[in-house]
All heavy atoms as atom14 arrays in JSON, in Angstrom:
{
  "sequence": "TLKADWERAVEVRSPREGMVTADSCYAGRPLRGGESLLALGGVDVVMV",
  "atom14_mask": [
    [1, 1, 1, 1, 1, 1, 1, 0, 0, 0, 0, 0, 0, 0],
    [1, 1, 1, 1, 1, 1, 1, 1, 0, 0, 0, 0, 0, 0],
    [1, 1, 1, 1, 1, 1, 1, 1, 1, 0, 0, 0, 0, 0],
    [1, 1, 1, 1, 1, 0, 0, 0, 0, 0, 0, 0, 0, 0],
    [1, 1, 1, 1, 1, 1, 1, 1, 0, 0, 0, 0, 0, 0],
    [1, 1, 1, 1, 1, 1, 1, 1, 1, 1, 1, 1, 1, 1],
    [1, 1, 1, 1, 1, 1, 1, 1, 1, 0, 0, 0, 0, 0],
    [1, 1, 1, 1, 1, 1, 1, 1, 1, 1, 1, 0, 0, 0],
    [1, 1, 1, 1, 1, 0, 0, 0, 0, 0, 0, 0, 0, 0],
    [1, 1, 1, 1, 1, 1, 1, 0, 0, 0, 0, 0, 0, 0],
    [1, 1, 1, 1, 1, 1, 1, 1, 1, 0, 0, 0, 0, 0],
    [1, 1, 1, 1, 1, 1, 1, 0, 0, 0, 0, 0, 0, 0],
    [1, 1, 1, 1, 1, 1, 1, 1, 1, 1, 1, 0, 0, 0],
    [1, 1, 1, 1, 1, 1, 0, 0, 0, 0, 0, 0, 0, 0],
    [1, 1, 1, 1, 1, 1, 1, 0, 0, 0, 0, 0, 0, 0],
    [1, 1, 1, 1, 1, 1, 1, 1, 1, 1, 1, 0, 0, 0],
    [1, 1, 1, 1, 1, 1, 1, 1, 1, 0, 0, 0, 0, 0],
    [1, 1, 1, 1, 0, 0, 0, 0, 0, 0, 0, 0, 0, 0],
    [1, 1, 1, 1, 1, 1, 1, 1, 0, 0, 0, 0, 0, 0],
    [1, 1, 1, 1, 1, 1, 1, 0, 0, 0, 0, 0, 0, 0],
    [1, 1, 1, 1, 1, 1, 1, 0, 0, 0, 0, 0, 0, 0],
    [1, 1, 1, 1, 1, 0, 0, 0, 0, 0, 0, 0, 0, 0],
    [1, 1, 1, 1, 1, 1, 1, 1, 0, 0, 0, 0, 0, 0],
    [1, 1, 1, 1, 1, 1, 0, 0, 0, 0, 0, 0, 0, 0],
    [1, 1, 1, 1, 1, 1, 0, 0, 0, 0, 0, 0, 0, 0],
    [1, 1, 1, 1, 1, 1, 1, 1, 1, 1, 1, 1, 0, 0],
    [1, 1, 1, 1, 1, 0, 0, 0, 0, 0, 0, 0, 0, 0],
    [1, 1, 1, 1, 0, 0, 0, 0, 0, 0, 0, 0, 0, 0],
    [1, 1, 1, 1, 1, 1, 1, 1, 1, 1, 1, 0, 0, 0],
    [1, 1, 1, 1, 1, 1, 1, 0, 0, 0, 0, 0, 0, 0],
    [1, 1, 1, 1, 1, 1, 1, 1, 0, 0, 0, 0, 0, 0],
    [1, 1, 1, 1, 1, 1, 1, 1, 1, 1, 1, 0, 0, 0],
    [1, 1, 1, 1, 0, 0, 0, 0, 0, 0, 0, 0, 0, 0],
    [1, 1, 1, 1, 0, 0, 0, 0, 0, 0, 0, 0, 0, 0],
    [1, 1, 1, 1, 1, 1, 1, 1, 1, 0, 0, 0, 0, 0],
    [1, 1, 1, 1, 1, 1, 0, 0, 0, 0, 0, 0, 0, 0],
    [1, 1, 1, 1, 1, 1, 1, 1, 0, 0, 0, 0, 0, 0],
    [1, 1, 1, 1, 1, 1, 1, 1, 0, 0, 0, 0, 0, 0],
    [1, 1, 1, 1, 1, 0, 0, 0, 0, 0, 0, 0, 0, 0],
    [1, 1, 1, 1, 1, 1, 1, 1, 0, 0, 0, 0, 0, 0],
    [1, 1, 1, 1, 0, 0, 0, 0, 0, 0, 0, 0, 0, 0],
    [1, 1, 1, 1, 0, 0, 0, 0, 0, 0, 0, 0, 0, 0],
    [1, 1, 1, 1, 1, 1, 1, 0, 0, 0, 0, 0, 0, 0],
    [1, 1, 1, 1, 1, 1, 1, 1, 0, 0, 0, 0, 0, 0],
    [1, 1, 1, 1, 1, 1, 1, 0, 0, 0, 0, 0, 0, 0],
    [1, 1, 1, 1, 1, 1, 1, 0, 0, 0, 0, 0, 0, 0],
    [1, 1, 1, 1, 1, 1, 1, 1, 0, 0, 0, 0, 0, 0],
    [1, 1, 1, 1, 1, 1, 1, 0, 0, 0, 0, 0, 0, 0]
  ],
  "atom14_positions": [
    [[-32.03, 6.14, -9.19], [-31.06, 5.25, -9.92], [-30.21, 6.23, -10.73], [-30.7, 7.07, -11.24], [-31.83, 4.35, -10.89], [-32.78, 3.42, -10.14], [-30.84, 3.5, -11.68], [0.0, 0.0, 0.0], [0.0, 0.0, 0.0], [0.0, 0.0, 0.0], [0.0, 0.0, 0.0], [0.0, 0.0, 0.0], [0.0, 0.0, 0.0], [0.0, 0.0, 0.0]],
    [[-28.96, 5.84, -10.69], [-27.89, 6.87, -11.31], [-27.31, 6.17, -12.48], [-27.09, 4.97, -12.54], [-26.91, 7.16, -10.32], [-27.32, 7.73, -9.01], [-26.23, 7.99, -8.05], [-27.96, 9.19, -9.24], [0.0, 0.0, 0.0], [0.0, 0.0, 0.0], [0.0, 0.0, 0.0], [0.0, 0.0, 0.0], [0.0, 0.0, 0.0], [0.0, 0.0, 0.0]],
    [[-26.96, 6.94, -13.56], [-26.33, 6.43, -14.69], [-24.92, 7.12, -14.72], [-24.96, 8.34, -15.06], [-27.08, 6.67, -15.9], [-26.46, 6.28, -17.27], [-27.36, 6.58, -18.53], [-26.62, 6.09, -19.7], [-27.44, 6.39, -20.92], [0.0, 0.0, 0.0], [0.0, 0.0, 0.0], [0.0, 0.0, 0.0], [0.0, 0.0, 0.0], [0.0, 0.0, 0.0]],
    [[-23.88, 6.43, -14.52], [-22.59, 6.97, -14.45], [-21.71, 6.73, -15.74], [-21.82, 5.53, -16.21], [-21.83, 6.46, -13.16], [0.0, 0.0, 0.0], [0.0, 0.0, 0.0], [0.0, 0.0, 0.0], [0.0, 0.0, 0.0], [0.0, 0.0, 0.0], [0.0, 0.0, 0.0], [0.0, 0.0, 0.0], [0.0, 0.0, 0.0], [0.0, 0.0, 0.0]],
    [[-21.05, 7.67, -16.19], [-20.24, 7.49, -17.43], [-18.71, 7.71, -17.03], [-18.5, 8.83, -16.73], [-20.63, 8.47, -18.53], [-19.82, 8.22, -19.88], [-19.29, 7.11, -19.91], [-19.85, 9.12, -20.78], [0.0, 0.0, 0.0], [0.0, 0.0, 0.0], [0.0, 0.0, 0.0], [0.0, 0.0, 0.0], [0.0, 0.0, 0.0], [0.0, 0.0, 0.0]],
    [[-17.91, 6.68, -17.03], [-16.61, 6.78, -16.7], [-15.7, 6.84, -17.9], [-15.94, 6.15, -18.94], [-16.17, 5.51, -15.87], [-16.96, 5.48, -14.54], [-18.1, 4.85, -14.37], [-16.55, 6.05, -13.33], [-18.51, 5.05, -13.05], [-17.53, 5.77, -12.36], [-15.35, 6.84, -12.87], [-17.48, 6.1, -10.95], [-15.29, 7.16, -11.7], [-16.26, 6.81, -10.57]],
    [[-14.63, 7.65, -17.81], [-13.64, 7.75, -18.82], [-12.72, 6.44, -18.79], [-12.65, 5.79, -17.72], [-12.68, 8.97, -18.66], [-13.38, 10.25, -18.9], [-12.52, 11.47, -18.81], [-11.4, 11.23, -18.4], [-12.94, 12.54, -19.07], [0.0, 0.0, 0.0], [0.0, 0.0, 0.0], [0.0, 0.0, 0.0], [0.0, 0.0, 0.0], [0.0, 0.0, 0.0]],
    [[-12.19, 6.09, -19.87], [-11.17, 5.03, -19.79], [-10.1, 5.17, -18.93], [-9.53, 6.3, -18.85], [-10.67, 4.76, -21.39], [-9.84, 3.49, -21.39], [-9.44, 3.27, -22.86], [-8.54, 2.11, -22.98], [-8.01, 1.72, -24.11], [-8.38, 2.32, -25.22], [-7.22, 0.64, -24.24], [0.0, 0.0, 0.0], [0.0, 0.0, 0.0], [0.0, 0.0, 0.0]],
    [[-9.7, 4.22, -18.18], [-8.64, 4.42, -17.22], [-7.2, 4.62, -17.94], [-7.01, 4.14, -18.91], [-8.46, 2.97, -16.33], [0.0, 0.0, 0.0], [0.0, 0.0, 0.0], [0.0, 0.0, 0.0], [0.0, 0.0, 0.0], [0.0, 0.0, 0.0], [0.0, 0.0, 0.0], [0.0, 0.0, 0.0], [0.0, 0.0, 0.0], [0.0, 0.0, 0.0]],
    [[-6.54, 5.53, -17.3], [-5.23, 5.96, -17.85], [-4.0, 5.19, -17.23], [-4.13, 4.85, -15.98], [-4.99, 7.45, -17.61], [-3.64, 7.88, -18.06], [-6.14, 8.28, -18.33], [0.0, 0.0, 0.0], [0.0, 0.0, 0.0], [0.0, 0.0, 0.0], [0.0, 0.0, 0.0], [0.0, 0.0, 0.0], [0.0, 0.0, 0.0], [0.0, 0.0, 0.0]],
    [[-3.08, 4.83, -18.0], [-1.9, 4.14, -17.5], [-0.7, 5.04, -17.38], [-0.44, 5.93, -18.27], [-1.63, 2.96, -18.53], [-2.67, 1.85, -18.55], [-2.44, 0.9, -19.49], [-1.78, 1.14, -20.6], [-2.89, -0.26, -19.38], [0.0, 0.0, 0.0], [0.0, 0.0, 0.0], [0.0, 0.0, 0.0], [0.0, 0.0, 0.0], [0.0, 0.0, 0.0]],
    [[0.01, 5.0, -16.33], [1.2, 5.79, -16.15], [2.47, 4.85, -16.55], [2.49, 3.7, -16.12], [1.44, 6.19, -14.68], [2.75, 6.96, -14.41], [0.14, 7.0, -14.2], [0.0, 0.0, 0.0], [0.0, 0.0, 0.0], [0.0, 0.0, 0.0], [0.0, 0.0, 0.0], [0.0, 0.0, 0.0], [0.0, 0.0, 0.0], [0.0, 0.0, 0.0]],
    [[3.29, 5.39, -17.48], [4.33, 4.55, -18.09], [5.65, 5.23, -17.74], [5.87, 6.39, -17.53], [4.2, 4.53, -19.49], [2.89, 3.89, -19.95], [2.57, 3.88, -21.55], [1.36, 3.16, -21.81], [1.2, 1.98, -22.11], [2.27, 1.07, -21.93], [0.07, 1.41, -22.39], [0.0, 0.0, 0.0], [0.0, 0.0, 0.0], [0.0, 0.0, 0.0]],
    [[6.64, 4.35, -17.67], [8.08, 4.78, -17.36], [8.61, 5.44, -18.59], [8.47, 5.0, -19.78], [8.99, 3.47, -17.18], [10.31, 3.9, -16.95], [0.0, 0.0, 0.0], [0.0, 0.0, 0.0], [0.0, 0.0, 0.0], [0.0, 0.0, 0.0], [0.0, 0.0, 0.0], [0.0, 0.0, 0.0], [0.0, 0.0, 0.0], [0.0, 0.0, 0.0]],
    [[9.18, 6.65, -18.4], [9.77, 7.4, -19.54], [11.05, 6.9, -20.13], [11.5, 7.2, -21.28], [10.01, 8.85, -18.98], [10.27, 8.56, -17.49], [9.43, 7.35, -17.14], [0.0, 0.0, 0.0], [0.0, 0.0, 0.0], [0.0, 0.0, 0.0], [0.0, 0.0, 0.0], [0.0, 0.0, 0.0], [0.0, 0.0, 0.0], [0.0, 0.0, 0.0]],
    [[11.67, 6.03, -19.35], [12.9, 5.42, -19.83], [13.1, 4.03, -19.25], [12.45, 3.62, -18.26], [14.15, 6.26, -19.65], [14.24, 6.64, -18.12], [15.5, 7.67, -17.89], [15.69, 7.85, -16.45], [15.05, 8.94, -15.87], [14.2, 9.71, -16.54], [15.35, 9.19, -14.56], [0.0, 0.0, 0.0], [0.0, 0.0, 0.0], [0.0, 0.0, 0.0]],
    [[14.25, 3.32, -19.65], [14.57, 2.0, -19.14], [15.38, 2.16, -17.87], [16.12, 3.14, -17.78], [15.36, 1.19, -20.26], [15.66, -0.17, -19.79], [16.59, -0.85, -20.81], [17.63, -0.39, -21.09], [16.1, -1.88, -21.39], [0.0, 0.0, 0.0], [0.0, 0.0, 0.0], [0.0, 0.0, 0.0], [0.0, 0.0, 0.0], [0.0, 0.0, 0.0]],
    [[15.18, 1.22, -17.0], [15.97, 1.23, -15.74], [15.56, 0.36, -14.73], [14.41, -0.22, -14.84], [0.0, 0.0, 0.0], [0.0, 0.0, 0.0], [0.0, 0.0, 0.0], [0.0, 0.0, 0.0], [0.0, 0.0, 0.0], [0.0, 0.0, 0.0], [0.0, 0.0, 0.0], [0.0, 0.0, 0.0], [0.0, 0.0, 0.0], [0.0, 0.0, 0.0]],
    [[16.28, 0.11, -13.63], [15.82, -0.75, -12.58], [15.22, 0.15, -11.53], [15.63, 1.21, -11.11], [17.01, -1.49, -11.89], [16.62, -2.3, -10.67], [17.82, -3.33, -10.02], [17.92, -4.6, -11.32], [0.0, 0.0, 0.0], [0.0, 0.0, 0.0], [0.0, 0.0, 0.0], [0.0, 0.0, 0.0], [0.0, 0.0, 0.0], [0.0, 0.0, 0.0]],
    [[13.97, -0.27, -11.03], [13.35, 0.43, -9.9], [14.05, 0.37, -8.71], [14.29, -0.78, -8.08], [11.83, -0.13, -9.79], [11.13, 0.71, -8.63], [11.12, -0.04, -11.07], [0.0, 0.0, 0.0], [0.0, 0.0, 0.0], [0.0, 0.0, 0.0], [0.0, 0.0, 0.0], [0.0, 0.0, 0.0], [0.0, 0.0, 0.0], [0.0, 0.0, 0.0]],
    [[14.56, 1.43, -8.14], [15.41, 1.36, -6.89], [14.62, 2.1, -5.72], [15.03, 1.95, -4.65], [16.64, 2.19, -7.1], [16.42, 3.47, -7.62], [17.63, 1.42, -8.11], [0.0, 0.0, 0.0], [0.0, 0.0, 0.0], [0.0, 0.0, 0.0], [0.0, 0.0, 0.0], [0.0, 0.0, 0.0], [0.0, 0.0, 0.0], [0.0, 0.0, 0.0]],
    [[13.53, 2.72, -5.92], [12.72, 3.25, -5.01], [11.28, 3.27, -5.49], [11.07, 3.59, -6.62], [13.18, 4.55, -4.46], [0.0, 0.0, 0.0], [0.0, 0.0, 0.0], [0.0, 0.0, 0.0], [0.0, 0.0, 0.0], [0.0, 0.0, 0.0], [0.0, 0.0, 0.0], [0.0, 0.0, 0.0], [0.0, 0.0, 0.0], [0.0, 0.0, 0.0]],
    [[10.22, 3.15, -4.61], [8.9, 3.01, -5.06], [7.99, 3.69, -3.89], [8.08, 3.19, -2.81], [8.45, 1.59, -5.34], [7.02, 1.47, -5.69], [6.39, 2.39, -6.05], [6.45, 0.39, -5.42], [0.0, 0.0, 0.0], [0.0, 0.0, 0.0], [0.0, 0.0, 0.0], [0.0, 0.0, 0.0], [0.0, 0.0, 0.0], [0.0, 0.0, 0.0]],
    [[7.28, 4.73, -4.32], [6.26, 5.26, -3.43], [4.87, 5.19, -3.87], [4.01, 6.09, -3.61], [6.6, 6.76, -3.23], [6.59, 7.55, -4.34], [0.0, 0.0, 0.0], [0.0, 0.0, 0.0], [0.0, 0.0, 0.0], [0.0, 0.0, 0.0], [0.0, 0.0, 0.0], [0.0, 0.0, 0.0], [0.0, 0.0, 0.0], [0.0, 0.0, 0.0]],
    [[4.69, 4.23, -4.77], [3.2, 4.07, -5.36], [2.47, 3.2, -4.39], [2.94, 2.26, -3.82], [3.44, 3.39, -6.63], [1.79, 3.04, -7.57], [0.0, 0.0, 0.0], [0.0, 0.0, 0.0], [0.0, 0.0, 0.0], [0.0, 0.0, 0.0], [0.0, 0.0, 0.0], [0.0, 0.0, 0.0], [0.0, 0.0, 0.0], [0.0, 0.0, 0.0]],
    [[1.16, 3.62, -4.3], [0.13, 2.78, -3.54], [-1.24, 3.1, -4.01], [-1.49, 4.4, -4.43], [0.31, 2.99, -2.02], [0.16, 4.42, -1.53], [-1.11, 4.95, -1.36], [1.24, 5.27, -1.5], [-1.32, 6.25, -0.83], [1.02, 6.64, -1.03], [-0.21, 7.06, -0.78], [-0.31, 8.41, -0.33], [0.0, 0.0, 0.0], [0.0, 0.0, 0.0]],
    [[-2.12, 2.19, -3.87], [-3.45, 2.44, -4.36], [-4.13, 3.57, -3.53], [-4.0, 3.5, -2.33], [-4.31, 1.19, -4.15], [0.0, 0.0, 0.0], [0.0, 0.0, 0.0], [0.0, 0.0, 0.0], [0.0, 0.0, 0.0], [0.0, 0.0, 0.0], [0.0, 0.0, 0.0], [0.0, 0.0, 0.0], [0.0, 0.0, 0.0], [0.0, 0.0, 0.0]],
    [[-4.71, 4.47, -4.16], [-5.4, 5.6, -3.52], [-4.45, 6.87, -3.45], [-5.06, 7.89, -2.94], [0.0, 0.0, 0.0], [0.0, 0.0, 0.0], [0.0, 0.0, 0.0], [0.0, 0.0, 0.0], [0.0, 0.0, 0.0], [0.0, 0.0, 0.0], [0.0, 0.0, 0.0], [0.0, 0.0, 0.0], [0.0, 0.0, 0.0], [0.0, 0.0, 0.0]],
    [[-3.33, 6.75, -3.87], [-2.44, 7.99, -3.78], [-2.76, 8.9, -4.86], [-2.77, 8.55, -6.01], [-0.9, 7.48, -3.93], [0.03, 8.85, -4.06], [1.35, 8.51, -4.25], [2.16, 9.79, -4.58], [3.39, 9.77, -4.82], [4.22, 8.67, -4.81], [4.03, 10.89, -5.08], [0.0, 0.0, 0.0], [0.0, 0.0, 0.0], [0.0, 0.0, 0.0]],
    [[-3.03, 10.24, -4.56], [-3.2, 11.24, -5.64], [-1.82, 11.61, -6.27], [-0.91, 11.73, -5.55], [-3.84, 12.4, -4.82], [-3.29, 12.28, -3.43], [-3.19, 10.76, -3.23], [0.0, 0.0, 0.0], [0.0, 0.0, 0.0], [0.0, 0.0, 0.0], [0.0, 0.0, 0.0], [0.0, 0.0, 0.0], [0.0, 0.0, 0.0], [0.0, 0.0, 0.0]],
    [[-1.78, 11.73, -7.56], [-0.46, 12.06, -8.23], [-0.53, 13.6, -8.57], [-1.43, 14.05, -9.22], [-0.35, 11.22, -9.55], [-0.4, 9.62, -9.28], [-0.19, 8.94, -10.63], [0.56, 9.21, -8.32], [0.0, 0.0, 0.0], [0.0, 0.0, 0.0], [0.0, 0.0, 0.0], [0.0, 0.0, 0.0], [0.0, 0.0, 0.0], [0.0, 0.0, 0.0]],
    [[0.56, 14.18, -8.09], [0.69, 15.57, -8.29], [1.94, 15.84, -9.08], [3.08, 15.26, -8.81], [0.72, 16.41, -6.95], [-0.53, 16.19, -6.08], [-0.33, 16.81, -4.74], [-1.53, 16.64, -3.96], [-1.52, 15.6, -2.99], [-0.48, 14.98, -2.97], [-2.58, 15.41, -2.24], [0.0, 0.0, 0.0], [0.0, 0.0, 0.0], [0.0, 0.0, 0.0]],
    [[1.88, 16.81, -10.01], [3.05, 17.16, -10.8], [4.25, 17.8, -9.86], [3.87, 18.46, -8.81], [0.0, 0.0, 0.0], [0.0, 0.0, 0.0], [0.0, 0.0, 0.0], [0.0, 0.0, 0.0], [0.0, 0.0, 0.0], [0.0, 0.0, 0.0], [0.0, 0.0, 0.0], [0.0, 0.0, 0.0], [0.0, 0.0, 0.0], [0.0, 0.0, 0.0]],
    [[5.37, 17.43, -10.16], [6.54, 17.74, -9.21], [6.87, 16.82, -8.26], [8.0, 16.95, -7.78], [0.0, 0.0, 0.0], [0.0, 0.0, 0.0], [0.0, 0.0, 0.0], [0.0, 0.0, 0.0], [0.0, 0.0, 0.0], [0.0, 0.0, 0.0], [0.0, 0.0, 0.0], [0.0, 0.0, 0.0], [0.0, 0.0, 0.0], [0.0, 0.0, 0.0]],
    [[6.1, 15.83, -8.07], [6.4, 14.75, -7.11], [6.98, 13.61, -7.85], [6.91, 13.45, -9.05], [5.13, 14.37, -6.26], [4.67, 15.44, -5.39], [3.51, 15.08, -4.58], [3.05, 13.9, -4.77], [3.05, 15.87, -3.82], [0.0, 0.0, 0.0], [0.0, 0.0, 0.0], [0.0, 0.0, 0.0], [0.0, 0.0, 0.0], [0.0, 0.0, 0.0]],
    [[7.51, 12.64, -7.14], [8.09, 11.45, -7.65], [7.34, 10.21, -7.28], [6.87, 10.1, -6.11], [9.55, 11.27, -7.25], [10.1, 9.95, -7.69], [0.0, 0.0, 0.0], [0.0, 0.0, 0.0], [0.0, 0.0, 0.0], [0.0, 0.0, 0.0], [0.0, 0.0, 0.0], [0.0, 0.0, 0.0], [0.0, 0.0, 0.0], [0.0, 0.0, 0.0]],
    [[6.99, 9.2, -8.25], [6.34, 8.09, -8.02], [7.31, 6.81, -7.77], [7.02, 6.04, -6.94], [5.46, 7.71, -9.16], [4.52, 6.49, -9.12], [3.54, 6.8, -7.92], [3.71, 6.27, -10.38], [0.0, 0.0, 0.0], [0.0, 0.0, 0.0], [0.0, 0.0, 0.0], [0.0, 0.0, 0.0], [0.0, 0.0, 0.0], [0.0, 0.0, 0.0]],
    [[8.42, 6.98, -8.41], [9.54, 5.92, -8.31], [10.91, 6.5, -8.79], [11.03, 7.56, -9.3], [9.18, 4.61, -9.0], [8.71, 4.77, -10.43], [9.98, 5.0, -11.38], [8.02, 3.44, -11.02], [0.0, 0.0, 0.0], [0.0, 0.0, 0.0], [0.0, 0.0, 0.0], [0.0, 0.0, 0.0], [0.0, 0.0, 0.0], [0.0, 0.0, 0.0]],
    [[11.95, 5.77, -8.45], [13.27, 6.16, -8.9], [13.91, 5.0, -9.86], [13.57, 3.82, -9.57], [14.17, 6.24, -7.65], [0.0, 0.0, 0.0], [0.0, 0.0, 0.0], [0.0, 0.0, 0.0], [0.0, 0.0, 0.0], [0.0, 0.0, 0.0], [0.0, 0.0, 0.0], [0.0, 0.0, 0.0], [0.0, 0.0, 0.0], [0.0, 0.0, 0.0]],
    [[14.53, 5.41, -10.82], [15.06, 4.52, -11.67], [16.64, 4.72, -11.64], [17.14, 5.71, -11.92], [14.75, 4.66, -13.21], [13.18, 4.42, -13.39], [12.88, 4.77, -14.94], [12.82, 3.0, -13.23], [0.0, 0.0, 0.0], [0.0, 0.0, 0.0], [0.0, 0.0, 0.0], [0.0, 0.0, 0.0], [0.0, 0.0, 0.0], [0.0, 0.0, 0.0]],
    [[17.35, 3.54, -11.36], [18.74, 3.59, -11.19], [19.25, 4.64, -10.17], [20.32, 5.28, -10.36], [0.0, 0.0, 0.0], [0.0, 0.0, 0.0], [0.0, 0.0, 0.0], [0.0, 0.0, 0.0], [0.0, 0.0, 0.0], [0.0, 0.0, 0.0], [0.0, 0.0, 0.0], [0.0, 0.0, 0.0], [0.0, 0.0, 0.0], [0.0, 0.0, 0.0]],
    [[18.55, 4.74, -9.17], [18.9, 5.77, -8.05], [18.53, 7.23, -8.32], [18.88, 8.05, -7.41], [0.0, 0.0, 0.0], [0.0, 0.0, 0.0], [0.0, 0.0, 0.0], [0.0, 0.0, 0.0], [0.0, 0.0, 0.0], [0.0, 0.0, 0.0], [0.0, 0.0, 0.0], [0.0, 0.0, 0.0], [0.0, 0.0, 0.0], [0.0, 0.0, 0.0]],
    [[17.76, 7.51, -9.41], [17.37, 8.8, -9.76], [15.84, 9.03, -9.77], [15.2, 8.2, -10.4], [17.95, 9.27, -11.12], [17.42, 10.8, -11.51], [19.53, 9.23, -11.16], [0.0, 0.0, 0.0], [0.0, 0.0, 0.0], [0.0, 0.0, 0.0], [0.0, 0.0, 0.0], [0.0, 0.0, 0.0], [0.0, 0.0, 0.0], [0.0, 0.0, 0.0]],
    [[15.37, 9.93, -9.0], [13.9, 10.11, -8.85], [13.42, 10.49, -10.23], [13.97, 11.34, -10.93], [13.63, 11.18, -7.81], [13.73, 10.62, -6.31], [13.67, 9.42, -6.25], [13.8, 11.55, -5.54], [0.0, 0.0, 0.0], [0.0, 0.0, 0.0], [0.0, 0.0, 0.0], [0.0, 0.0, 0.0], [0.0, 0.0, 0.0], [0.0, 0.0, 0.0]],
    [[12.29, 9.84, -10.61], [11.63, 10.22, -11.9], [10.43, 11.22, -11.43], [9.39, 10.67, -10.8], [11.07, 8.93, -12.57], [10.39, 9.45, -13.85], [12.13, 8.03, -12.83], [0.0, 0.0, 0.0], [0.0, 0.0, 0.0], [0.0, 0.0, 0.0], [0.0, 0.0, 0.0], [0.0, 0.0, 0.0], [0.0, 0.0, 0.0], [0.0, 0.0, 0.0]],
    [[10.52, 12.42, -11.86], [9.58, 13.38, -11.39], [8.33, 13.34, -12.36], [8.52, 13.26, -13.63], [10.18, 14.75, -11.34], [9.06, 15.87, -10.99], [11.3, 14.84, -10.39], [0.0, 0.0, 0.0], [0.0, 0.0, 0.0], [0.0, 0.0, 0.0], [0.0, 0.0, 0.0], [0.0, 0.0, 0.0], [0.0, 0.0, 0.0], [0.0, 0.0, 0.0]],
    [[7.16, 13.49, -11.88], [5.9, 13.57, -12.59], [5.64, 14.98, -13.19], [5.84, 16.04, -12.37], [4.7, 13.15, -11.87], [4.77, 11.58, -11.48], [3.44, 11.08, -10.41], [3.87, 11.82, -8.79], [0.0, 0.0, 0.0], [0.0, 0.0, 0.0], [0.0, 0.0, 0.0], [0.0, 0.0, 0.0], [0.0, 0.0, 0.0], [0.0, 0.0, 0.0]],
    [[5.18, 15.19, -14.34], [4.84, 16.34, -14.99], [3.38, 16.15, -15.49], [3.16, 15.31, -16.22], [5.73, 16.76, -16.11], [5.2, 17.97, -16.83], [7.1, 17.1, -15.61], [0.0, 0.0, 0.0], [0.0, 0.0, 0.0], [0.0, 0.0, 0.0], [0.0, 0.0, 0.0], [0.0, 0.0, 0.0], [0.0, 0.0, 0.0], [0.0, 0.0, 0.0]]
  ]
}
């Protein structure tokens, strides 16, 4: 029998206001700094 302790889930938030014009998010995707998860107003939002 195993006893697992999980950290609280983290939420990713938009850094600014805008309309989502592109989306590359999907369940199971690993998030790496320098890549983009979505675009706002036609501009890719890069993850840091």
